[in-house]
């Protein structure tokens, strides 16, 4: 069974996947930490949604921001402390980044909420579905026939249609989405199609740092690209095939395996 996390690692660097799978004993901790951070962000989003219900159309922008921020800082820090106690390697820099990204998104949400209330002449609780449609978070998907499993960050359900959404804290490209994000989204789409016996034509990547949502069409080429990657991942994991990779100095400098990577020896 291929995990979507393995596909993401392969898209970043196939050699990293090889070392992580066959050499690194800390992989499970890294995976668990990523899951805990995802859970924290989802809980914060739910708290912002609850806070939004208190907002009325006569409020000023600064007051809207204050209400949306209620209990956010306390919840992030207390939950982060709980994650730290699990000894998964959560660093203070990561916590600060989560806080900064959250308050940036609150500012954007406050501005959009104020604009929507002014235009529609409604209070926030009346238009909350515009910002938070009916969704399933961290939805676990698995298909035995495809030998693929993974967790989709968010599945939005609108008029009976399913839309996979992945949430990224990385910087986006100038246009469109990164290839690795498109491939991950395609995996979510295919698993959703199998799970609910439906067709998924489009998904979205939410780039949190700039508060931007970008669509990705699930076309034939993207789906073929996913299956190509899955074959390569299977070769690395099952057959221990050492991949041939081109050095990317920018990625290599950031990689935790730079000192043990075969490409640097």
Protein backbone atom coordinates (compact mmCIF):
# COMPACT_ATOMS: atom_id res chain seq x y z
CA UNK A 1 0.00 0.00 0.00
CA UNK A 2 1.49 3.34 -1.09
CA UNK A 3 0.93 6.27 1.26
CA UNK A 4 0.27 9.76 -0.06
CA UNK A 5 3.03 10.96 2.27
CA UNK A 6 5.48 8.80 0.27
CA UNK A 7 4.25 10.40 -2.97
CA UNK A 8 4.83 13.87 -1.50
CA UNK A 9 8.34 12.94 -0.39
CA UNK A 10 9.13 11.46 -3.80
CA UNK A 11 7.97 14.63 -5.54
CA UNK A 12 10.31 16.63 -3.31
CA UNK A 13 13.23 14.26 -3.92
CA UNK A 14 13.23 10.52 -4.79
CA UNK A 15 16.50 10.03 -2.90
CA UNK A 16 14.94 11.46 0.23
CA UNK A 17 12.19 8.84 -0.05
CA UNK A 18 14.79 6.07 -0.40
CA UNK A 19 16.77 7.16 2.67
CA UNK A 20 13.62 7.79 4.67
CA UNK A 21 12.23 4.35 3.83
CA UNK A 22 15.33 2.19 4.11
CA UNK A 23 17.77 4.10 6.30
CA UNK A 24 15.96 6.47 8.66
CA UNK A 25 14.34 5.08 11.81
CA UNK A 26 12.77 8.47 12.69
CA UNK A 27 10.33 8.53 9.79
CA UNK A 28 7.34 7.59 11.94
CA UNK A 29 7.98 10.49 14.33
CA UNK A 30 8.14 12.96 11.44
CA UNK A 31 4.91 11.60 9.99
CA UNK A 32 3.14 11.77 13.35
CA UNK A 33 4.35 15.35 13.91
CA UNK A 34 2.93 16.38 10.52
CA UNK A 35 -0.41 14.84 11.46
CA UNK A 36 -0.51 16.65 14.83
CA UNK A 37 0.25 19.99 13.17
CA UNK A 38 -2.52 19.38 10.63
CA UNK A 39 -4.95 18.62 13.46
CA UNK A 40 -3.96 21.83 15.23
CA UNK A 41 -4.58 23.93 12.12
CA UNK A 42 -7.96 22.29 11.55
CA UNK A 43 -9.00 22.94 15.17
CA UNK A 44 -7.94 26.59 14.85
CA UNK A 45 -10.00 26.92 11.67
CA UNK A 46 -13.02 25.52 13.50
CA UNK A 47 -12.49 27.99 16.35
CA UNK A 48 -12.37 30.90 13.88
CA UNK A 49 -15.61 29.62 12.36
CA UNK A 50 -17.30 29.63 15.78
CA UNK A 51 -15.99 33.14 16.50
CA UNK A 52 -17.37 34.40 13.19
CA UNK A 53 -20.93 33.67 14.36
CA UNK A 54 -20.58 36.51 16.89
CA UNK A 55 -19.86 39.16 14.24
CA UNK A 56 -22.49 41.66 13.13
CA UNK A 57 -22.58 43.95 10.12
CA UNK A 58 -22.26 47.16 12.18
CA UNK A 59 -18.85 46.19 13.59
CA UNK A 60 -15.65 47.88 12.49
CA UNK A 61 -12.80 45.93 10.91
CA UNK A 62 -10.60 46.08 14.02
CA UNK A 63 -13.42 44.68 16.16
CA UNK A 64 -14.01 41.86 13.67
CA UNK A 65 -10.34 40.91 13.84
CA UNK A 66 -10.45 40.92 17.64
CA UNK A 67 -13.48 38.62 17.77
CA UNK A 68 -12.04 36.21 15.20
CA UNK A 69 -8.87 36.05 17.32
CA UNK A 70 -10.64 35.13 20.58
CA UNK A 71 -8.83 32.24 22.35
CA UNK A 72 -6.70 31.53 19.26
CA UNK A 73 -3.32 32.33 20.82
CA UNK A 74 -4.10 30.36 23.99
CA UNK A 75 -5.31 27.33 22.03
CA UNK A 76 -2.27 27.22 19.72
CA UNK A 77 0.22 27.51 22.57
CA UNK A 78 -1.52 25.00 24.85
CA UNK A 79 -1.90 22.47 22.03
CA UNK A 80 1.69 23.04 20.93
CA UNK A 81 2.86 22.33 24.49
CA UNK A 82 0.93 19.05 24.39
CA UNK A 83 2.64 18.13 21.11
CA UNK A 84 6.04 19.04 22.57
CA UNK A 85 5.35 16.66 25.48
CA UNK A 86 4.90 13.87 22.90
CA UNK A 87 8.60 14.30 22.01
CA UNK A 88 7.98 14.44 18.26
CA UNK A 89 10.50 17.20 17.62
CA UNK A 90 8.23 20.24 17.38
CA UNK A 91 10.43 23.35 17.44
CA UNK A 92 9.65 26.84 18.69
CA UNK A 93 10.18 28.24 15.19
CA UNK A 94 7.40 26.00 13.88
CA UNK A 95 5.05 27.19 16.61
CA UNK A 96 5.78 30.84 15.82
CA UNK A 97 5.21 30.18 12.13
CA UNK A 98 1.80 28.63 12.87
CA UNK A 99 0.86 31.66 14.99
CA UNK A 100 2.03 34.15 12.34
CA UNK A 101 0.20 32.33 9.53
CA UNK A 102 -2.97 32.10 11.62
CA UNK A 103 -3.13 35.82 12.40
CA UNK A 104 -2.37 36.70 8.78
CA UNK A 105 -5.32 34.54 7.70
CA UNK A 106 -7.51 36.15 10.37
CA UNK A 107 -6.78 39.58 8.90
CA UNK A 108 -7.74 38.36 5.42
CA UNK A 109 -10.88 36.64 6.74
CA UNK A 110 -11.88 39.77 8.66
CA UNK A 111 -11.55 41.91 5.54
CA UNK A 112 -13.53 39.48 3.37
CA UNK A 113 -16.21 39.15 6.04
CA UNK A 114 -16.60 42.91 6.34
CA UNK A 115 -16.88 43.28 2.57
CA UNK A 116 -19.43 40.47 2.27
CA UNK A 117 -21.60 41.82 5.12
CA UNK A 118 -21.58 45.31 3.58
CA UNK A 119 -22.50 44.11 0.10
CA UNK A 120 -25.16 41.60 1.22
CA UNK A 121 -26.40 43.63 4.21
CA UNK A 122 -26.29 40.53 6.43
CA UNK A 123 -24.61 39.51 9.66
CA UNK A 124 -21.77 36.99 9.58
CA UNK A 125 -23.76 34.04 10.90
CA UNK A 126 -26.10 34.41 7.90
CA UNK A 127 -23.29 34.12 5.33
CA UNK A 128 -20.90 31.80 7.17
CA UNK A 129 -21.35 29.06 4.54
CA UNK A 130 -19.63 31.35 2.03
CA UNK A 131 -16.44 31.02 4.06
CA UNK A 132 -16.88 27.57 5.60
CA UNK A 133 -18.86 25.26 3.29
CA UNK A 134 -19.94 21.81 4.46
CA UNK A 135 -16.66 19.92 4.77
CA UNK A 136 -14.89 16.85 6.04
CA UNK A 137 -11.46 17.42 7.55
CA UNK A 138 -8.46 15.07 7.58
CA UNK A 139 -10.53 12.48 5.76
CA UNK A 140 -8.77 9.11 5.56
CA UNK A 141 -9.06 7.47 2.14
CA UNK A 142 -7.95 4.02 1.07
CA UNK A 143 -8.29 1.90 -2.04
CA UNK A 144 -7.08 -1.70 -2.02
CA UNK A 145 -7.21 -2.06 -5.78
CA UNK A 146 -5.09 1.02 -6.41
CA UNK A 147 -2.88 0.13 -3.42
CA UNK A 148 -3.06 3.76 -2.36
CA UNK A 149 -4.01 5.38 0.94
CA UNK A 150 -3.75 8.78 2.54
CA UNK A 151 -5.48 11.64 4.27
CA UNK A 152 -7.06 14.52 2.39
CA UNK A 153 -6.76 17.77 4.35
CA UNK A 154 -10.29 18.82 3.50
CA UNK A 155 -13.19 17.63 1.37
CA UNK A 156 -15.80 20.26 0.55
CA UNK A 157 -19.27 19.11 -0.46
CA UNK A 158 -21.27 21.59 -2.55
CA UNK A 159 -24.51 20.67 -4.33
CA UNK A 160 -23.65 16.98 -4.03
CA UNK A 161 -20.22 17.41 -5.64
CA UNK A 162 -16.97 16.54 -3.85
CA UNK A 163 -13.99 18.91 -4.00
CA UNK A 164 -10.64 17.84 -2.51
CA UNK A 165 -8.63 20.61 -0.86
CA UNK A 166 -5.03 20.42 0.32
CA UNK A 167 -3.62 23.08 2.61
CA UNK A 168 -0.04 24.29 2.21
CA UNK A 169 2.05 26.61 4.37
CA UNK A 170 4.78 26.90 1.71
CA UNK A 171 5.19 29.84 -0.64
CA UNK A 172 3.21 29.35 -3.88
CA UNK A 173 4.53 29.79 -7.43
CA UNK A 174 3.70 33.00 -9.28
CA UNK A 175 0.98 31.21 -11.23
CA UNK A 176 -0.83 27.94 -10.73
CA UNK A 177 0.42 25.38 -8.22
CA UNK A 178 3.59 23.37 -7.66
CA UNK A 179 3.78 20.04 -9.51
CA UNK A 180 4.00 18.10 -6.23
CA UNK A 181 0.85 19.80 -4.95
CA UNK A 182 -1.04 18.96 -8.15
CA UNK A 183 0.02 15.30 -7.92
CA UNK A 184 -1.05 15.09 -4.25
CA UNK A 185 -4.40 16.64 -5.13
CA UNK A 186 -4.85 14.15 -7.99
CA UNK A 187 -4.31 11.29 -5.52
CA UNK A 188 -7.02 12.74 -3.27
CA UNK A 189 -9.37 13.10 -6.25
CA UNK A 190 -8.92 9.51 -7.44
CA UNK A 191 -9.45 8.14 -3.93
CA UNK A 192 -12.59 10.25 -3.51
CA UNK A 193 -13.94 8.94 -6.80
CA UNK A 194 -13.47 5.37 -5.59
CA UNK A 195 -14.81 6.07 -2.10
CA UNK A 196 -18.03 7.82 -3.16
CA UNK A 197 -18.49 6.41 -6.68
CA UNK A 198 -18.47 9.87 -8.19
CA UNK A 199 -16.37 11.98 -10.55
CA UNK A 200 -14.05 14.73 -9.38
CA UNK A 201 -13.26 17.33 -12.01
CA UNK A 202 -11.47 19.97 -9.96
CA UNK A 203 -9.68 20.36 -6.65
CA UNK A 204 -8.04 23.24 -4.82
CA UNK A 205 -4.75 24.10 -3.15
CA UNK A 206 -5.03 26.60 -0.29
CA UNK A 207 -1.75 28.49 0.12
CA UNK A 208 -2.13 29.79 3.67
CA UNK A 209 0.72 32.29 3.64
CA UNK A 210 -1.01 34.52 1.11
CA UNK A 211 -4.58 33.39 1.80
CA UNK A 212 -5.01 32.26 -1.80
CA UNK A 213 -6.99 29.32 -3.19
CA UNK A 214 -5.90 27.95 -6.56
CA UNK A 215 -7.90 25.48 -8.68
CA UNK A 216 -6.45 22.38 -10.31
CA UNK A 217 -8.30 20.57 -13.10
CA UNK A 218 -8.13 16.78 -12.80
CA UNK A 219 -7.32 16.14 -16.45
CA UNK A 220 -5.92 13.03 -18.13
CA UNK A 221 -2.31 14.23 -18.12
CA UNK A 222 -2.35 14.93 -14.40
CA UNK A 223 -3.82 11.51 -13.65
CA UNK A 224 -1.19 9.81 -15.84
CA UNK A 225 1.48 11.78 -14.00
CA UNK A 226 0.20 10.46 -10.68
CA UNK A 227 0.34 6.83 -11.84
CA UNK A 228 3.88 7.35 -13.17
CA UNK A 229 4.95 8.66 -9.76
CA UNK A 230 3.21 5.76 -8.00
CA UNK A 231 5.19 3.27 -10.10
CA UNK A 232 8.45 5.01 -9.21
CA UNK A 233 7.53 5.09 -5.51
CA UNK A 234 6.71 1.38 -5.58
CA UNK A 235 10.11 0.63 -7.13
CA UNK A 236 11.92 2.54 -4.39
CA UNK A 237 9.91 1.13 -1.49
CA UNK A 238 9.36 -2.49 -2.58
CA UNK A 239 12.44 -3.19 -4.69
CA UNK A 240 14.88 -0.84 -2.92
CA UNK A 241 15.77 0.73 -6.24
CA UNK A 242 18.20 3.62 -5.74
CA UNK A 243 16.87 6.52 -7.82
CA UNK A 244 18.93 8.70 -10.10
CA UNK A 245 18.39 12.32 -9.15
CA UNK A 246 19.73 15.68 -10.21
CA UNK A 247 21.17 17.82 -7.46
CA UNK A 248 19.13 20.82 -6.46
CA UNK A 249 21.36 22.90 -4.20
CA UNK A 250 18.43 24.88 -2.82
CA UNK A 251 16.61 21.71 -1.74
CA UNK A 252 19.79 19.94 -0.62
CA UNK A 253 20.69 22.75 1.78
CA UNK A 254 17.30 22.38 3.50
CA UNK A 255 17.23 18.58 3.55
CA UNK A 256 17.84 16.81 6.85
CA UNK A 257 19.57 13.99 4.97
CA UNK A 258 22.16 16.13 3.20
CA UNK A 259 25.02 14.62 5.23
CA UNK A 260 24.11 11.03 4.45
CA UNK A 261 22.69 11.39 0.93
CA UNK A 262 24.40 9.12 -1.59
CA UNK A 263 24.40 11.95 -4.12
CA UNK A 264 26.68 14.01 -1.88
CA UNK A 265 29.24 11.27 -1.30
